[in-house]
Amino acid sequence: MVFPCYFLPMERAAIFLRKAEIDDFECVYKMISDLENEAMDKDFLLHSYKQNLANKDVSYWLAVSNEQPIGFISLHVQNLLHRNGPVAEIQELFVDSEFRGAHIGQRLVETAREEAIKRGCKRFEVSTNVKREGAHRFYERLGMQRTHLKFTQTL
């Protein structure tokens, strides 16, 4: 079943989290496009989404209200030599703007953190664009610390 995205009910229902499934792709695609503020390559994202759903080292969760996905988080686990064990990193986190401030992002991050602990991870990390100052404050409120700089280069 494919859910329409961002249907905003007059009265908000309870919000619950669940693992993302293949039928959620259209909503996840819209969320990632909104997160990046650009229309992403849909074919590439679908291929990657399917591949990652089958990968035991990648976990996707959705926050759902009235059967409508309103938030998304992805967690990737890697065995890093310099950490002497597995490290979990949030790669994407999105909450629909109409639902921000309702602790949905916090619930998604807590769920990802719990998964990292279950997986025996040594660290729980996230990188975010320097322009996303609100996201920086959000992660700091959740107890995360600024400890690294990330350098990138477009290829």
N, C-alpha and C. Protein backbone atom coordinates (compact mmCIF):
# COMPACT_ATOMS: atom_id res chain seq x y z
N MET A 1 0.84 -1.17 0.00
CA MET A 1 0.00 0.00 0.00
C MET A 1 0.89 1.24 0.00
N VAL A 2 0.61 2.20 -0.86
CA VAL A 2 1.35 3.45 -0.92
C VAL A 2 0.50 4.51 -0.25
N PHE A 3 1.09 5.19 0.73
CA PHE A 3 0.37 6.23 1.44
C PHE A 3 0.55 7.57 0.75
N PRO A 4 -0.50 8.40 0.70
CA PRO A 4 -0.28 9.77 0.25
C PRO A 4 0.60 10.46 1.28
N CYS A 5 1.40 11.40 0.85
CA CYS A 5 2.32 12.06 1.76
C CYS A 5 1.76 13.38 2.27
N TYR A 6 2.04 13.66 3.51
CA TYR A 6 1.77 14.94 4.15
C TYR A 6 0.30 15.29 4.18
N PHE A 7 -0.56 14.33 4.34
CA PHE A 7 -1.97 14.61 4.60
C PHE A 7 -2.05 15.08 6.03
N LEU A 8 -2.48 16.30 6.24
CA LEU A 8 -2.50 16.86 7.58
C LEU A 8 -3.93 16.89 8.10
N PRO A 9 -4.25 16.05 9.06
CA PRO A 9 -5.60 15.99 9.58
C PRO A 9 -5.92 17.21 10.43
N MET A 10 -7.21 17.49 10.56
CA MET A 10 -7.64 18.61 11.40
C MET A 10 -7.23 18.36 12.84
N GLU A 11 -7.41 17.15 13.31
CA GLU A 11 -6.99 16.78 14.66
C GLU A 11 -5.90 15.74 14.52
N ARG A 12 -4.80 15.97 15.19
CA ARG A 12 -3.69 15.04 15.08
C ARG A 12 -3.96 13.79 15.90
N ALA A 13 -3.69 12.67 15.30
CA ALA A 13 -3.85 11.38 15.99
C ALA A 13 -2.55 11.05 16.70
N ALA A 14 -2.55 9.97 17.41
CA ALA A 14 -1.33 9.48 18.05
C ALA A 14 -0.28 9.24 16.98
N ILE A 15 0.95 9.47 17.36
CA ILE A 15 2.07 9.27 16.44
C ILE A 15 2.82 8.03 16.89
N PHE A 16 3.08 7.13 15.96
CA PHE A 16 3.85 5.94 16.29
C PHE A 16 4.97 5.77 15.29
N LEU A 17 5.97 4.98 15.68
CA LEU A 17 7.11 4.71 14.81
C LEU A 17 7.04 3.26 14.36
N ARG A 18 7.47 3.05 13.12
CA ARG A 18 7.55 1.70 12.58
C ARG A 18 8.68 1.64 11.56
N LYS A 19 9.13 0.43 11.29
CA LYS A 19 10.14 0.25 10.25
C LYS A 19 9.56 0.63 8.89
N ALA A 20 10.36 1.26 8.07
CA ALA A 20 9.93 1.60 6.71
C ALA A 20 9.91 0.33 5.86
N GLU A 21 9.03 0.33 4.88
CA GLU A 21 8.87 -0.79 3.96
C GLU A 21 8.97 -0.30 2.52
N ILE A 22 9.01 -1.22 1.60
CA ILE A 22 9.13 -0.84 0.19
C ILE A 22 7.96 0.04 -0.26
N ASP A 23 6.76 -0.23 0.24
CA ASP A 23 5.60 0.55 -0.17
C ASP A 23 5.64 1.99 0.32
N ASP A 24 6.56 2.31 1.19
CA ASP A 24 6.70 3.68 1.70
C ASP A 24 7.59 4.54 0.82
N PHE A 25 8.11 3.98 -0.26
CA PHE A 25 9.11 4.71 -1.05
C PHE A 25 8.64 6.09 -1.50
N GLU A 26 7.44 6.23 -2.00
CA GLU A 26 7.00 7.53 -2.52
C GLU A 26 7.09 8.60 -1.44
N CYS A 27 6.69 8.27 -0.23
CA CYS A 27 6.76 9.23 0.87
C CYS A 27 8.21 9.51 1.26
N VAL A 28 9.02 8.47 1.32
CA VAL A 28 10.43 8.66 1.66
C VAL A 28 11.10 9.52 0.58
N TYR A 29 10.79 9.26 -0.67
CA TYR A 29 11.34 10.06 -1.76
C TYR A 29 10.99 11.54 -1.57
N LYS A 30 9.75 11.83 -1.25
CA LYS A 30 9.33 13.23 -1.05
C LYS A 30 10.06 13.83 0.15
N MET A 31 10.18 13.07 1.22
CA MET A 31 10.86 13.59 2.40
C MET A 31 12.33 13.91 2.11
N ILE A 32 13.02 13.01 1.41
CA ILE A 32 14.44 13.24 1.10
C ILE A 32 14.58 14.42 0.15
N SER A 33 13.68 14.54 -0.82
CA SER A 33 13.71 15.69 -1.72
C SER A 33 13.47 16.99 -0.96
N ASP A 34 12.54 16.97 -0.01
CA ASP A 34 12.29 18.15 0.82
C ASP A 34 13.49 18.46 1.70
N LEU A 35 14.09 17.43 2.28
CA LEU A 35 15.26 17.61 3.12
C LEU A 35 16.40 18.30 2.36
N GLU A 36 16.61 17.86 1.14
CA GLU A 36 17.70 18.40 0.33
C GLU A 36 17.27 19.61 -0.51
N ASN A 37 15.99 19.94 -0.45
CA ASN A 37 15.45 21.09 -1.18
C ASN A 37 15.71 20.99 -2.68
N GLU A 38 15.56 19.78 -3.21
CA GLU A 38 15.70 19.55 -4.65
C GLU A 38 15.02 18.24 -5.02
N ALA A 39 14.58 18.14 -6.25
CA ALA A 39 14.00 16.89 -6.74
C ALA A 39 15.16 15.91 -6.97
N MET A 40 15.16 14.86 -6.19
CA MET A 40 16.23 13.88 -6.28
C MET A 40 15.98 12.95 -7.47
N ASP A 41 17.02 12.25 -7.90
CA ASP A 41 16.92 11.28 -8.98
C ASP A 41 16.11 10.08 -8.45
N LYS A 42 14.86 9.99 -8.88
CA LYS A 42 13.93 9.00 -8.33
C LYS A 42 14.38 7.57 -8.60
N ASP A 43 14.88 7.29 -9.79
CA ASP A 43 15.33 5.94 -10.10
C ASP A 43 16.50 5.53 -9.22
N PHE A 44 17.45 6.43 -9.04
CA PHE A 44 18.59 6.13 -8.19
C PHE A 44 18.15 5.91 -6.74
N LEU A 45 17.28 6.79 -6.25
CA LEU A 45 16.80 6.64 -4.87
C LEU A 45 16.04 5.34 -4.68
N LEU A 46 15.22 4.96 -5.63
CA LEU A 46 14.48 3.70 -5.52
C LEU A 46 15.45 2.52 -5.46
N HIS A 47 16.45 2.52 -6.34
CA HIS A 47 17.45 1.46 -6.33
C HIS A 47 18.16 1.41 -4.98
N SER A 48 18.60 2.56 -4.49
CA SER A 48 19.31 2.62 -3.21
C SER A 48 18.41 2.23 -2.05
N TYR A 49 17.16 2.67 -2.10
CA TYR A 49 16.20 2.36 -1.04
C TYR A 49 15.99 0.85 -0.94
N LYS A 50 15.77 0.20 -2.08
CA LYS A 50 15.59 -1.26 -2.09
C LYS A 50 16.83 -1.97 -1.57
N GLN A 51 17.98 -1.52 -2.05
CA GLN A 51 19.25 -2.13 -1.64
C GLN A 51 19.45 -1.97 -0.12
N ASN A 52 19.15 -0.78 0.39
CA ASN A 52 19.35 -0.53 1.82
C ASN A 52 18.33 -1.26 2.69
N LEU A 53 17.10 -1.42 2.21
CA LEU A 53 16.12 -2.19 2.98
C LEU A 53 16.60 -3.62 3.20
N ALA A 54 17.35 -4.15 2.25
CA ALA A 54 17.85 -5.52 2.34
C ALA A 54 19.18 -5.62 3.10
N ASN A 55 19.77 -4.48 3.44
CA ASN A 55 21.07 -4.44 4.09
C ASN A 55 20.90 -4.46 5.60
N LYS A 56 21.46 -5.45 6.28
CA LYS A 56 21.31 -5.55 7.73
C LYS A 56 22.00 -4.40 8.47
N ASP A 57 22.87 -3.67 7.80
CA ASP A 57 23.58 -2.56 8.43
C ASP A 57 22.90 -1.21 8.22
N VAL A 58 21.71 -1.22 7.62
CA VAL A 58 20.94 0.01 7.41
C VAL A 58 19.55 -0.21 7.98
N SER A 59 19.08 0.77 8.75
CA SER A 59 17.74 0.72 9.32
C SER A 59 17.00 2.00 8.97
N TYR A 60 15.76 1.85 8.53
CA TYR A 60 14.90 2.99 8.21
C TYR A 60 13.65 2.92 9.10
N TRP A 61 13.28 4.04 9.70
CA TRP A 61 12.04 4.14 10.46
C TRP A 61 11.22 5.31 9.98
N LEU A 62 9.92 5.18 10.14
CA LEU A 62 8.98 6.27 9.84
C LEU A 62 8.23 6.63 11.10
N ALA A 63 7.92 7.91 11.24
CA ALA A 63 6.95 8.38 12.22
C ALA A 63 5.65 8.52 11.44
N VAL A 64 4.56 8.01 12.01
CA VAL A 64 3.29 7.92 11.30
C VAL A 64 2.18 8.52 12.16
N SER A 65 1.33 9.33 11.53
CA SER A 65 0.15 9.88 12.19
C SER A 65 -1.03 9.67 11.25
N ASN A 66 -2.14 9.14 11.77
CA ASN A 66 -3.31 8.85 10.93
C ASN A 66 -2.92 8.05 9.69
N GLU A 67 -2.04 7.08 9.88
CA GLU A 67 -1.55 6.20 8.80
C GLU A 67 -0.73 6.94 7.75
N GLN A 68 -0.36 8.19 8.02
CA GLN A 68 0.42 8.97 7.07
C GLN A 68 1.84 9.17 7.58
N PRO A 69 2.87 8.77 6.81
CA PRO A 69 4.24 9.04 7.22
C PRO A 69 4.50 10.55 7.30
N ILE A 70 5.04 10.98 8.45
CA ILE A 70 5.32 12.40 8.66
C ILE A 70 6.77 12.64 9.07
N GLY A 71 7.54 11.57 9.24
CA GLY A 71 8.94 11.70 9.60
C GLY A 71 9.71 10.46 9.21
N PHE A 72 11.01 10.62 9.06
CA PHE A 72 11.87 9.54 8.58
C PHE A 72 13.25 9.68 9.19
N ILE A 73 13.87 8.53 9.51
CA ILE A 73 15.27 8.52 9.93
C ILE A 73 15.94 7.30 9.33
N SER A 74 17.21 7.47 8.97
CA SER A 74 18.01 6.33 8.51
C SER A 74 19.25 6.22 9.39
N LEU A 75 19.60 4.98 9.70
CA LEU A 75 20.76 4.69 10.52
C LEU A 75 21.63 3.70 9.77
N HIS A 76 22.91 4.02 9.65
CA HIS A 76 23.87 3.16 8.96
C HIS A 76 24.94 2.74 9.96
N VAL A 77 25.23 1.46 10.03
CA VAL A 77 26.24 0.92 10.94
C VAL A 77 27.43 0.46 10.12
N GLN A 78 28.62 0.87 10.55
CA GLN A 78 29.85 0.48 9.88
C GLN A 78 30.86 0.01 10.91
N ASN A 79 31.69 -0.94 10.53
CA ASN A 79 32.83 -1.34 11.37
C ASN A 79 34.01 -0.47 10.98
N LEU A 80 34.36 0.48 11.85
CA LEU A 80 35.43 1.41 11.55
C LEU A 80 36.69 1.02 12.31
N LEU A 81 37.78 0.92 11.59
CA LEU A 81 39.04 0.51 12.20
C LEU A 81 39.45 1.46 13.32
N HIS A 82 39.34 2.76 13.08
CA HIS A 82 39.82 3.73 14.07
C HIS A 82 38.92 3.83 15.30
N ARG A 83 37.77 3.17 15.28
CA ARG A 83 36.87 3.13 16.45
C ARG A 83 36.90 1.77 17.13
N ASN A 84 37.64 0.83 16.53
CA ASN A 84 37.79 -0.50 17.10
C ASN A 84 36.45 -1.18 17.34
N GLY A 85 35.53 -0.95 16.41
CA GLY A 85 34.22 -1.58 16.53
C GLY A 85 33.19 -0.85 15.69
N PRO A 86 31.94 -1.28 15.80
CA PRO A 86 30.89 -0.69 14.97
C PRO A 86 30.50 0.72 15.45
N VAL A 87 30.19 1.56 14.48
CA VAL A 87 29.74 2.93 14.71
C VAL A 87 28.42 3.10 13.97
N ALA A 88 27.45 3.72 14.63
CA ALA A 88 26.15 3.99 14.01
C ALA A 88 26.08 5.48 13.67
N GLU A 89 25.63 5.78 12.45
CA GLU A 89 25.51 7.18 12.04
C GLU A 89 24.15 7.43 11.41
N ILE A 90 23.51 8.46 11.90
CA ILE A 90 22.28 8.94 11.26
C ILE A 90 22.69 9.58 9.94
N GLN A 91 22.07 9.14 8.85
CA GLN A 91 22.36 9.72 7.54
C GLN A 91 21.29 10.72 7.12
N GLU A 92 20.04 10.41 7.42
CA GLU A 92 18.94 11.31 7.08
C GLU A 92 17.97 11.38 8.25
N LEU A 93 17.47 12.57 8.53
CA LEU A 93 16.40 12.76 9.50
C LEU A 93 15.51 13.86 8.95
N PHE A 94 14.21 13.56 8.87
CA PHE A 94 13.25 14.53 8.35
C PHE A 94 11.96 14.42 9.14
N VAL A 95 11.41 15.58 9.50
CA VAL A 95 10.07 15.65 10.09
C VAL A 95 9.32 16.74 9.32
N ASP A 96 8.11 16.42 8.88
CA ASP A 96 7.29 17.39 8.17
C ASP A 96 7.17 18.66 9.01
N SER A 97 7.28 19.81 8.36
CA SER A 97 7.29 21.09 9.07
C SER A 97 6.06 21.30 9.94
N GLU A 98 4.92 20.76 9.55
CA GLU A 98 3.69 20.92 10.33
C GLU A 98 3.74 20.16 11.66
N PHE A 99 4.68 19.23 11.78
CA PHE A 99 4.76 18.39 12.96
C PHE A 99 6.01 18.65 13.79
N ARG A 100 6.83 19.62 13.38
CA ARG A 100 8.05 19.93 14.14
C ARG A 100 7.67 20.56 15.47
N GLY A 101 8.47 20.31 16.46
CA GLY A 101 8.19 20.83 17.80
C GLY A 101 7.36 19.88 18.64
N ALA A 102 6.97 18.75 18.08
CA ALA A 102 6.14 17.77 18.80
C ALA A 102 6.98 16.58 19.27
N HIS A 103 8.30 16.74 19.30
CA HIS A 103 9.24 15.72 19.78
C HIS A 103 9.31 14.48 18.89
N ILE A 104 8.86 14.60 17.65
CA ILE A 104 8.93 13.47 16.72
C ILE A 104 10.37 13.18 16.34
N GLY A 105 11.12 14.21 16.04
CA GLY A 105 12.54 14.02 15.72
C GLY A 105 13.28 13.37 16.87
N GLN A 106 12.99 13.82 18.07
CA GLN A 106 13.61 13.24 19.26
C GLN A 106 13.27 11.75 19.37
N ARG A 107 12.02 11.39 19.14
CA ARG A 107 11.62 9.98 19.21
C ARG A 107 12.33 9.16 18.14
N LEU A 108 12.47 9.72 16.95
CA LEU A 108 13.18 9.01 15.89
C LEU A 108 14.65 8.80 16.26
N VAL A 109 15.29 9.85 16.79
CA VAL A 109 16.70 9.73 17.18
C VAL A 109 16.85 8.73 18.32
N GLU A 110 15.96 8.78 19.30
CA GLU A 110 16.02 7.82 20.41
C GLU A 110 15.88 6.38 19.91
N THR A 111 15.02 6.16 18.94
CA THR A 111 14.85 4.83 18.37
C THR A 111 16.13 4.38 17.68
N ALA A 112 16.75 5.28 16.93
CA ALA A 112 18.00 4.96 16.26
C ALA A 112 19.10 4.69 17.28
N ARG A 113 19.16 5.48 18.34
CA ARG A 113 20.17 5.28 19.39
C ARG A 113 19.98 3.91 20.04
N GLU A 114 18.74 3.54 20.33
CA GLU A 114 18.47 2.22 20.92
C GLU A 114 18.96 1.10 20.00
N GLU A 115 18.74 1.26 18.70
CA GLU A 115 19.22 0.26 17.74
C GLU A 115 20.74 0.20 17.77
N ALA A 116 21.40 1.34 17.84
CA ALA A 116 22.87 1.37 17.89
C ALA A 116 23.38 0.62 19.13
N ILE A 117 22.73 0.82 20.25
CA ILE A 117 23.12 0.14 21.48
C ILE A 117 22.93 -1.37 21.33
N LYS A 118 21.78 -1.78 20.78
CA LYS A 118 21.51 -3.21 20.56
C LYS A 118 22.56 -3.84 19.67
N ARG A 119 23.04 -3.05 18.69
CA ARG A 119 24.02 -3.56 17.73
C ARG A 119 25.44 -3.53 18.28
N GLY A 120 25.63 -3.04 19.51
CA GLY A 120 26.95 -3.02 20.12
C GLY A 120 27.84 -1.92 19.60
N CYS A 121 27.26 -0.85 19.11
CA CYS A 121 28.05 0.24 18.54
C CYS A 121 28.84 0.98 19.62
N LYS A 122 30.03 1.42 19.24
CA LYS A 122 30.91 2.17 20.13
C LYS A 122 30.55 3.66 20.15
N ARG A 123 29.98 4.13 19.05
CA ARG A 123 29.64 5.56 18.93
C ARG A 123 28.33 5.70 18.17
N PHE A 124 27.69 6.82 18.40
CA PHE A 124 26.45 7.21 17.73
C PHE A 124 26.70 8.60 17.19
N GLU A 125 26.63 8.75 15.86
CA GLU A 125 27.07 9.99 15.23
C GLU A 125 26.04 10.53 14.25
N VAL A 126 26.20 11.80 13.92
CA VAL A 126 25.42 12.45 12.87
C VAL A 126 26.27 13.59 12.31
N SER A 127 26.17 13.80 11.02
CA SER A 127 26.76 14.97 10.37
C SER A 127 25.61 15.81 9.84
N THR A 128 25.77 17.12 9.89
CA THR A 128 24.73 18.00 9.37
C THR A 128 25.39 19.21 8.74
N ASN A 129 24.74 19.75 7.75
CA ASN A 129 25.26 20.90 7.02
C ASN A 129 25.46 22.09 7.96
N VAL A 130 26.52 22.85 7.74
CA VAL A 130 26.79 24.01 8.60
C VAL A 130 25.67 25.03 8.56
N LYS A 131 24.88 25.05 7.48
CA LYS A 131 23.77 26.01 7.36
C LYS A 131 22.59 25.64 8.26
N ARG A 132 22.51 24.41 8.71
CA ARG A 132 21.35 23.93 9.47
C ARG A 132 21.56 24.16 10.98
N GLU A 133 21.59 25.42 11.35
CA GLU A 133 21.88 25.76 12.74
C GLU A 133 20.81 25.23 13.70
N GLY A 134 19.56 25.20 13.26
CA GLY A 134 18.50 24.63 14.09
C GLY A 134 18.75 23.16 14.36
N ALA A 135 19.25 22.44 13.36
CA ALA A 135 19.57 21.02 13.55
C ALA A 135 20.72 20.87 14.54
N HIS A 136 21.70 21.77 14.49
CA HIS A 136 22.82 21.70 15.43
C HIS A 136 22.30 21.81 16.86
N ARG A 137 21.43 22.79 17.11
CA ARG A 137 20.87 22.98 18.45
C ARG A 137 20.04 21.76 18.86
N PHE A 138 19.29 21.20 17.91
CA PHE A 138 18.47 20.01 18.18
C PHE A 138 19.35 18.86 18.67
N TYR A 139 20.42 18.56 17.94
CA TYR A 139 21.29 17.45 18.32
C TYR A 139 22.00 17.72 19.65
N GLU A 140 22.38 18.95 19.89
CA GLU A 140 23.01 19.28 21.16
C GLU A 140 22.03 19.10 22.32
N ARG A 141 20.76 19.47 22.12
CA ARG A 141 19.74 19.26 23.17
C ARG A 141 19.57 17.78 23.48
N LEU A 142 19.87 16.93 22.51
CA LEU A 142 19.76 15.48 22.72
C LEU A 142 21.03 14.88 23.30
N GLY A 143 21.98 15.73 23.66
CA GLY A 143 23.19 15.26 24.32
C GLY A 143 24.36 14.95 23.40
N MET A 144 24.22 15.27 22.13
CA MET A 144 25.33 15.03 21.20
C MET A 144 26.28 16.23 21.27
N GLN A 145 27.55 15.97 21.01
CA GLN A 145 28.58 17.00 21.10
C GLN A 145 29.24 17.24 19.75
N ARG A 146 29.62 18.49 19.53
CA ARG A 146 30.40 18.83 18.34
C ARG A 146 31.84 18.44 18.59
N THR A 147 32.29 17.41 17.91
CA THR A 147 33.65 16.93 18.14
C THR A 147 34.49 16.85 16.87
N HIS A 148 33.86 16.94 15.70
CA HIS A 148 34.58 16.74 14.46
C HIS A 148 34.21 17.82 13.44
N LEU A 149 35.06 17.99 12.47
CA LEU A 149 34.73 18.77 11.28
C LEU A 149 34.65 17.78 10.13
N LYS A 150 33.73 18.02 9.23
CA LYS A 150 33.60 17.15 8.06
C LYS A 150 33.94 17.98 6.82
N PHE A 151 34.79 17.46 5.97
CA PHE A 151 35.18 18.14 4.74
C PHE A 151 34.59 17.36 3.57
N THR A 152 34.05 18.07 2.61
CA THR A 152 33.45 17.43 1.44
C THR A 152 33.95 18.06 0.17
N GLN A 153 33.76 17.35 -0.91
CA GLN A 153 34.11 17.85 -2.24
C GLN A 153 33.14 17.23 -3.24
N THR A 154 32.48 18.09 -4.01
CA THR A 154 31.57 17.59 -5.03
C THR A 154 32.38 17.03 -6.18
N LEU A 155 32.01 15.84 -6.64
CA LEU A 155 32.71 15.20 -7.76
C LEU A 155 31.84 15.19 -8.98
